[in-house]
Amino acid sequence: MTEQQILDDLVSSWVSLALEYAQGAPDLTTIYIYVSSERGSVYPEMFFEQGGEIRYPSDVVGVDTGVERVRSVHRFQFEDLRAAEAKFSEIGVPQPTEYRITFDVATRRTDMTLSRELIYANDPVKVPERGLQYWLGDRAPQPF
């Protein structure tokens, strides 16, 4: 298996998970998937642009946003990430530390940006929970 195949499988799984979660949500235009994985710290999250506003999974209108359902989405994201990281190790490829994935619902187009730099581990101020804000700026919802 190649690095690209691992990434393709991972992104496909995450996008499918997001689409399943948001199925039936009105005015859904874009899905943003942000994942940070650095030295013992993992932050998986999905965000949904709905009616011009980017929302956390628990804020999506028109779907079941119960705590257990949101937790299961994060658990599946985490499990997919761990499986991909094991495959990266098997083929001797350094694992990405950050994934920024955009999926356009209308066009079915996926864009992905990866980083292999440590972004949070050596920074006393930056936290992965603000990763979407670092990425999308003021358009992103505030985590705290």
Protein backbone atom coordinates (compact mmCIF):
# COMPACT_ATOMS: atom_id res chain seq x y z
CA MET A 1 0.00 0.00 0.00
CA THR A 2 1.31 3.46 -0.85
CA GLU A 3 1.12 6.65 1.17
CA GLN A 4 -1.41 8.07 -1.29
CA GLN A 5 -3.62 4.99 -0.99
CA ILE A 6 -3.58 5.28 2.81
CA LEU A 7 -4.52 8.95 2.60
CA ASP A 8 -7.23 8.31 0.01
CA ASP A 9 -8.78 5.59 2.18
CA LEU A 10 -8.62 7.76 5.29
CA VAL A 11 -10.16 10.82 3.65
CA SER A 12 -12.84 8.71 1.97
CA SER A 13 -13.76 7.18 5.31
CA TRP A 14 -13.92 10.54 7.09
CA VAL A 15 -15.96 12.19 4.34
CA SER A 16 -18.38 9.23 4.29
CA LEU A 17 -18.71 9.46 8.07
CA ALA A 18 -19.45 13.20 7.86
CA LEU A 19 -22.01 12.71 5.09
CA GLU A 20 -23.74 9.96 7.05
CA TYR A 21 -23.84 12.15 10.16
CA ALA A 22 -25.28 15.14 8.28
CA GLN A 23 -27.70 13.19 6.08
CA GLY A 24 -30.94 15.12 5.84
CA ALA A 25 -29.51 18.40 7.12
CA PRO A 26 -30.92 21.29 5.07
CA ASP A 27 -28.71 23.90 3.40
CA LEU A 28 -25.50 21.90 3.90
CA THR A 29 -22.81 23.21 1.55
CA THR A 30 -19.37 22.29 2.89
CA ILE A 31 -17.81 19.84 5.31
CA TYR A 32 -14.56 20.73 7.05
CA ILE A 33 -12.54 18.00 8.71
CA TYR A 34 -9.73 19.07 11.02
CA VAL A 35 -7.49 16.55 12.75
CA SER A 36 -4.34 17.13 14.76
CA SER A 37 -2.14 14.23 15.87
CA GLU A 38 1.05 15.07 17.72
CA ARG A 39 3.03 13.15 20.34
CA GLY A 40 0.28 11.55 22.37
CA SER A 41 -2.32 14.23 21.66
CA VAL A 42 -5.07 13.70 19.10
CA TYR A 43 -7.86 16.12 18.24
CA PRO A 44 -10.36 14.89 15.61
CA GLU A 45 -13.25 17.14 14.61
CA MET A 46 -15.71 17.77 11.80
CA PHE A 47 -17.51 20.98 11.02
CA PHE A 48 -20.49 21.59 8.77
CA GLU A 49 -21.30 24.73 6.80
CA GLN A 50 -25.05 25.07 6.91
CA GLY A 51 -26.99 28.14 5.84
CA GLY A 52 -23.75 30.11 5.53
CA GLU A 53 -22.61 29.31 9.09
CA ILE A 54 -19.90 26.82 10.09
CA ARG A 55 -21.16 24.60 12.90
CA TYR A 56 -19.86 21.96 15.27
CA PRO A 57 -21.56 18.56 14.88
CA SER A 58 -23.68 19.23 17.96
CA ASP A 59 -25.05 22.41 16.34
CA VAL A 60 -26.12 21.00 12.96
CA VAL A 61 -29.81 21.63 12.36
CA GLY A 62 -32.04 18.84 11.08
CA VAL A 63 -30.13 15.80 12.37
CA ASP A 64 -29.80 13.88 15.63
CA THR A 65 -27.12 15.81 17.53
CA GLY A 66 -27.20 13.74 20.70
CA VAL A 67 -24.04 13.48 22.77
CA GLU A 68 -23.58 9.76 22.11
CA ARG A 69 -23.93 10.23 18.35
CA VAL A 70 -21.33 13.02 18.31
CA ARG A 71 -18.99 10.92 20.47
CA SER A 72 -19.34 7.99 18.10
CA VAL A 73 -18.34 10.23 15.16
CA HIS A 74 -15.19 11.27 17.04
CA ARG A 75 -14.49 7.67 18.02
CA PHE A 76 -14.72 6.52 14.39
CA GLN A 77 -12.48 9.39 13.29
CA PHE A 78 -9.95 8.41 15.94
CA GLU A 79 -10.07 4.72 15.01
CA ASP A 80 -9.58 5.52 11.32
CA LEU A 81 -6.65 7.78 12.18
CA ARG A 82 -4.95 5.15 14.34
CA ALA A 83 -5.34 2.53 11.59
CA ALA A 84 -3.83 4.92 9.02
CA GLU A 85 -0.96 5.81 11.35
CA ALA A 86 -0.16 2.12 11.79
CA LYS A 87 -0.07 1.73 8.00
CA PHE A 88 2.23 4.75 7.66
CA SER A 89 4.57 3.10 10.18
CA GLU A 90 4.45 -0.20 8.28
CA ILE A 91 5.62 1.44 5.06
CA GLY A 92 8.12 3.74 6.80
CA VAL A 93 6.41 7.05 6.00
CA PRO A 94 6.21 9.80 8.62
CA GLN A 95 2.64 10.36 9.67
CA PRO A 96 1.00 13.73 9.14
CA THR A 97 0.50 15.84 12.25
CA GLU A 98 -2.35 17.87 10.81
CA TYR A 99 -5.11 17.20 8.29
CA ARG A 100 -7.24 19.98 6.79
CA ILE A 101 -9.93 18.54 4.53
CA THR A 102 -12.66 20.43 2.70
CA PHE A 103 -15.52 18.62 0.98
CA ASP A 104 -17.91 20.58 -1.25
CA VAL A 105 -21.29 18.86 -0.97
CA ALA A 106 -22.64 20.10 -4.33
CA THR A 107 -19.61 19.29 -6.49
CA ARG A 108 -18.40 16.31 -4.39
CA ARG A 109 -14.91 17.83 -4.59
CA THR A 110 -12.40 17.11 -1.84
CA ASP A 111 -9.34 19.22 -1.04
CA MET A 112 -6.74 18.21 1.50
CA THR A 113 -3.76 19.95 3.06
CA LEU A 114 -1.36 18.03 5.28
CA SER A 115 1.40 19.06 7.64
CA ARG A 116 4.14 17.01 9.22
CA GLU A 117 5.39 19.87 11.38
CA LEU A 118 4.80 20.02 15.12
CA ILE A 119 2.29 22.82 15.52
CA TYR A 120 1.08 22.48 19.10
CA ALA A 121 3.54 20.28 21.01
CA ASN A 122 6.19 22.98 21.33
CA ASP A 123 3.92 26.01 21.58
CA PRO A 124 2.70 27.05 25.04
CA VAL A 125 -0.19 29.10 23.60
CA LYS A 126 -1.57 27.26 20.57
CA VAL A 127 -4.07 24.45 21.14
CA PRO A 128 -5.52 22.00 18.58
CA GLU A 129 -9.05 22.88 19.69
CA ARG A 130 -8.48 26.18 17.89
CA GLY A 131 -7.15 24.50 14.75
CA LEU A 132 -10.18 25.44 12.70
CA GLN A 133 -9.80 29.09 13.74
CA TYR A 134 -6.13 29.05 12.70
CA TRP A 135 -7.25 27.59 9.37
CA LEU A 136 -10.45 29.51 8.55
CA GLY A 137 -10.08 32.60 10.70
CA ASP A 138 -13.20 34.53 11.68
CA ARG A 139 -15.50 32.23 9.69
CA ALA A 140 -14.92 29.42 12.19
CA PRO A 141 -17.07 28.97 15.30
CA GLN A 142 -15.35 29.70 18.60
CA PRO A 143 -14.57 26.59 20.68
CA PHE A 144 -14.64 28.23 24.11
